């Protein structure tokens, strides 16, 4: 596990052997199966997750069952929601599920706060990603507030190659909509010649047309 930490987290390669030994001794190794909850909204936050394998989806759920993807956390990354909750001693304000089987080393809050003060490399990584995630979230807010759903859907389909292995439900969850509306929009894109739809797959036929839709043209 120490080798995985050093492979994925540069600050671990810069840390002393004593710091790594303490991290291993005081943290808890946790495994999540795909689809299981990693944390839930309104619950206390007590650990900082270092993701070693897999991917976690952090999301905001609405009362009517809609889901809005906030961001993903993969191996070598950190969760800014957890960081802010630990720093502010607040409960989680969103939830997270394991997209795949996930392996995490859960660092206790006391050690997290101590390393922020004593390990410059750790502090730099945490706040650098904090700034990046915050910029991404502001982009998301801008899209949700000021762009039509068809624009956001078209933009989501671009930049991933000609073939996307994704379901209508997954797209709806990422965009904070419902499957029926997304399916209707995808059908419209297909009629216009931009896409070819299959079960669990979408083939992009006209990326230029999708780009014009994404730009509101």
Protein backbone atom coordinates (compact mmCIF):
# COMPACT_ATOMS: atom_id res chain seq x y z
CA UNK A 1 0.00 0.00 0.00
CA UNK A 2 2.89 2.36 0.69
CA UNK A 3 4.08 1.79 -2.87
CA UNK A 4 0.64 2.76 -4.22
CA UNK A 5 0.66 5.93 -2.12
CA UNK A 6 4.04 6.98 -3.46
CA UNK A 7 3.03 6.10 -7.03
CA UNK A 8 -0.16 8.17 -7.01
CA UNK A 9 0.62 11.02 -4.59
CA UNK A 10 3.80 13.05 -5.23
CA UNK A 11 3.78 14.47 -1.69
CA UNK A 12 4.24 10.92 -0.36
CA UNK A 13 7.44 10.60 -2.36
CA UNK A 14 8.70 13.82 -0.76
CA UNK A 15 7.66 12.88 2.79
CA UNK A 16 10.04 11.34 5.31
CA UNK A 17 9.94 7.66 6.15
CA UNK A 18 8.69 8.55 9.63
CA UNK A 19 5.75 10.51 8.19
CA UNK A 20 4.81 7.65 5.88
CA UNK A 21 5.08 5.11 8.69
CA UNK A 22 2.79 7.25 10.82
CA UNK A 23 0.35 7.68 7.96
CA UNK A 24 0.17 3.92 7.53
CA UNK A 25 -0.17 3.30 11.26
CA UNK A 26 -2.91 5.86 11.98
CA UNK A 27 -4.98 5.55 8.79
CA UNK A 28 -7.52 2.88 7.93
CA UNK A 29 -7.64 0.92 4.67
CA UNK A 30 -11.21 0.80 3.33
CA UNK A 31 -12.59 -0.95 0.25
CA UNK A 32 -15.87 -0.07 -1.47
CA UNK A 33 -17.61 -2.22 -4.05
CA UNK A 34 -18.96 -0.55 -7.20
CA UNK A 35 -22.26 1.19 -6.52
CA UNK A 36 -21.82 1.40 -2.75
CA UNK A 37 -21.98 4.63 -0.74
CA UNK A 38 -18.65 6.24 0.19
CA UNK A 39 -20.27 9.00 2.25
CA UNK A 40 -23.74 10.52 2.56
CA UNK A 41 -25.05 14.05 2.92
CA UNK A 42 -25.54 15.36 6.48
CA UNK A 43 -23.25 12.74 8.02
CA UNK A 44 -20.12 13.72 10.01
CA UNK A 45 -16.80 13.93 8.18
CA UNK A 46 -13.93 12.39 10.11
CA UNK A 47 -11.37 11.15 7.55
CA UNK A 48 -9.52 12.40 4.48
CA UNK A 49 -9.58 9.77 1.69
CA UNK A 50 -6.47 8.96 -0.30
CA UNK A 51 -7.80 7.05 -3.29
CA UNK A 52 -5.46 4.27 -4.35
CA UNK A 53 -7.62 2.46 -6.90
CA UNK A 54 -10.93 3.12 -8.63
CA UNK A 55 -13.16 6.14 -9.12
CA UNK A 56 -15.64 7.93 -6.82
CA UNK A 57 -18.54 10.07 -8.03
CA UNK A 58 -19.42 13.03 -5.81
CA UNK A 59 -22.99 14.17 -6.43
CA UNK A 60 -25.82 16.35 -5.19
CA UNK A 61 -29.21 14.67 -4.91
CA UNK A 62 -32.56 16.44 -5.17
CA UNK A 63 -35.70 15.41 -3.31
CA UNK A 64 -37.38 14.25 -6.53
CA UNK A 65 -34.52 11.85 -7.27
CA UNK A 66 -32.49 13.99 -9.68
CA UNK A 67 -28.73 13.74 -9.42
CA UNK A 68 -26.14 16.35 -10.40
CA UNK A 69 -22.57 15.19 -10.81
CA UNK A 70 -20.21 17.60 -9.05
CA UNK A 71 -16.91 15.88 -9.82
CA UNK A 72 -15.08 12.56 -9.79
CA UNK A 73 -12.17 11.51 -7.58
CA UNK A 74 -9.71 9.01 -9.05
CA UNK A 75 -6.49 7.49 -7.76
CA UNK A 76 -4.00 10.23 -6.89
CA UNK A 77 -6.69 12.88 -6.44
CA UNK A 78 -8.44 14.24 -3.37
CA UNK A 79 -11.97 15.30 -2.50
CA UNK A 80 -12.38 19.04 -1.92
CA UNK A 81 -15.73 18.52 -0.21
CA UNK A 82 -14.00 16.35 2.38
CA UNK A 83 -11.19 18.89 2.73
CA UNK A 84 -13.60 21.75 3.38
CA UNK A 85 -15.69 19.68 5.81
CA UNK A 86 -12.59 18.67 7.78
CA UNK A 87 -11.29 22.23 7.90
CA UNK A 88 -14.65 23.69 8.90
CA UNK A 89 -15.73 20.79 11.12
CA UNK A 90 -18.95 20.48 9.17
CA UNK A 91 -21.05 17.55 7.99
CA UNK A 92 -21.03 16.47 4.37
CA UNK A 93 -23.17 18.64 2.09
CA UNK A 94 -23.29 16.10 -0.76
CA UNK A 95 -22.92 12.36 -1.19
CA UNK A 96 -20.53 10.04 -3.02
CA UNK A 97 -20.70 6.55 -4.48
CA UNK A 98 -18.06 4.22 -5.84
CA UNK A 99 -18.26 4.10 -9.65
CA UNK A 100 -15.94 1.10 -9.66
CA UNK A 101 -14.43 -1.03 -6.93
CA UNK A 102 -12.47 1.48 -4.86
CA UNK A 103 -9.55 1.19 -2.46
CA UNK A 104 -9.01 4.09 -0.06
CA UNK A 105 -6.63 4.92 2.76
CA UNK A 106 -8.67 7.02 5.20
CA UNK A 107 -6.51 9.55 7.05
CA UNK A 108 -7.91 10.75 10.42
CA UNK A 109 -8.77 14.44 10.73
CA UNK A 110 -6.12 15.14 13.37
CA UNK A 111 -3.34 13.84 11.14
CA UNK A 112 -4.79 15.65 8.10
CA UNK A 113 -4.64 18.98 9.95
CA UNK A 114 -1.16 18.27 11.28
CA UNK A 115 0.24 17.40 7.85
CA UNK A 116 -1.25 20.57 6.36
CA UNK A 117 0.97 22.48 8.77
CA UNK A 118 4.09 20.32 8.71
CA UNK A 119 4.30 18.96 5.15
CA UNK A 120 4.53 21.74 2.50
CA UNK A 121 4.20 19.26 -0.37
CA UNK A 122 0.98 17.86 1.08
CA UNK A 123 -0.41 21.34 1.70
CA UNK A 124 0.45 22.38 -1.87
CA UNK A 125 -1.28 19.34 -3.41
CA UNK A 126 -4.42 19.75 -1.32
CA UNK A 127 -4.89 23.44 -2.08
CA UNK A 128 -3.80 23.19 -5.71
CA UNK A 129 -6.52 20.63 -6.35
CA UNK A 130 -8.91 22.70 -4.23
CA UNK A 131 -8.41 25.63 -6.61
CA UNK A 132 -8.81 23.41 -9.69
CA UNK A 133 -11.99 21.79 -8.40
CA UNK A 134 -13.45 25.14 -7.41
CA UNK A 135 -12.89 26.46 -10.92
CA UNK A 136 -14.56 23.34 -12.33
CA UNK A 137 -17.53 23.80 -10.01
CA UNK A 138 -17.91 27.43 -11.06
CA UNK A 139 -17.99 26.26 -14.67
CA UNK A 140 -20.67 23.75 -13.71
CA UNK A 141 -22.73 26.43 -11.97
CA UNK A 142 -22.44 28.65 -15.03
CA UNK A 143 -23.59 25.81 -17.30
CA UNK A 144 -26.55 24.84 -15.12
CA UNK A 145 -27.66 28.44 -14.62
CA UNK A 146 -27.15 29.90 -18.08
CA UNK A 147 -27.06 27.08 -20.66
CA UNK A 148 -29.95 25.06 -22.04
CA UNK A 149 -29.91 21.33 -21.43
CA UNK A 150 -29.41 20.58 -25.14
CA UNK A 151 -26.26 22.73 -25.11
CA UNK A 152 -24.89 20.98 -22.02
CA UNK A 153 -25.70 17.54 -23.44
CA UNK A 154 -24.01 18.32 -26.76
CA UNK A 155 -20.93 19.62 -24.92
CA UNK A 156 -20.83 16.44 -22.79
CA UNK A 157 -20.75 14.27 -25.92
CA UNK A 158 -17.75 16.09 -27.38
CA UNK A 159 -14.11 15.38 -26.65
CA UNK A 160 -14.45 11.66 -25.88
CA UNK A 161 -13.87 10.16 -29.30
CA UNK A 162 -16.35 8.88 -31.86
CA UNK A 163 -17.85 6.17 -29.62
CA UNK A 164 -19.12 6.71 -26.08
CA UNK A 165 -20.06 3.78 -23.86
CA UNK A 166 -22.64 5.54 -21.73
CA UNK A 167 -26.34 5.09 -20.99
CA UNK A 168 -29.06 7.73 -21.21
CA UNK A 169 -29.57 7.42 -17.45
CA UNK A 170 -25.88 8.06 -16.74
CA UNK A 171 -25.96 11.18 -18.92
CA UNK A 172 -29.10 12.40 -17.17
CA UNK A 173 -27.49 11.91 -13.76
CA UNK A 174 -24.38 13.81 -14.81
CA UNK A 175 -26.44 16.70 -16.14
CA UNK A 176 -28.93 16.86 -13.28
CA UNK A 177 -31.86 15.92 -15.49
CA UNK A 178 -34.08 12.85 -16.03
CA UNK A 179 -33.61 10.02 -18.49
CA UNK A 180 -36.76 10.75 -20.50
CA UNK A 181 -35.70 14.29 -21.36
CA UNK A 182 -32.15 13.27 -22.23
CA UNK A 183 -33.43 10.42 -24.42
CA UNK A 184 -35.70 12.85 -26.27
CA UNK A 185 -32.79 15.24 -26.90
CA UNK A 186 -30.52 12.41 -28.05
CA UNK A 187 -33.24 11.27 -30.42
CA UNK A 188 -33.42 14.78 -31.84
CA UNK A 189 -29.62 14.88 -32.27
CA UNK A 190 -29.82 11.52 -34.07
CA UNK A 191 -32.58 12.73 -36.42
CA UNK A 192 -30.39 15.71 -37.30
CA UNK A 193 -27.55 13.35 -38.21
CA UNK A 194 -25.23 14.16 -35.33
CA UNK A 195 -25.44 10.76 -33.63
CA UNK A 196 -26.20 7.08 -34.04
CA UNK A 197 -27.74 5.56 -30.91
CA UNK A 198 -27.32 2.01 -29.64
CA UNK A 199 -27.85 0.15 -26.39
CA UNK A 200 -25.43 1.66 -23.89
CA UNK A 201 -23.48 3.38 -26.66
CA UNK A 202 -23.56 6.61 -28.66
CA UNK A 203 -21.65 7.09 -31.91
CA UNK A 204 -20.77 10.66 -32.84
CA UNK A 205 -21.28 11.18 -36.58
CA UNK A 206 -21.07 14.97 -36.84
CA UNK A 207 -18.95 16.59 -34.13
CA UNK A 208 -19.17 19.98 -35.86
CA UNK A 209 -22.97 19.96 -35.55
CA UNK A 210 -22.71 19.03 -31.86
CA UNK A 211 -20.29 21.91 -31.37
CA UNK A 212 -22.76 24.35 -32.96
CA UNK A 213 -25.52 23.06 -30.67
CA UNK A 214 -23.23 23.37 -27.65
CA UNK A 215 -22.46 26.96 -28.66
CA UNK A 216 -26.18 27.77 -28.91
CA UNK A 217 -26.23 28.16 -32.67
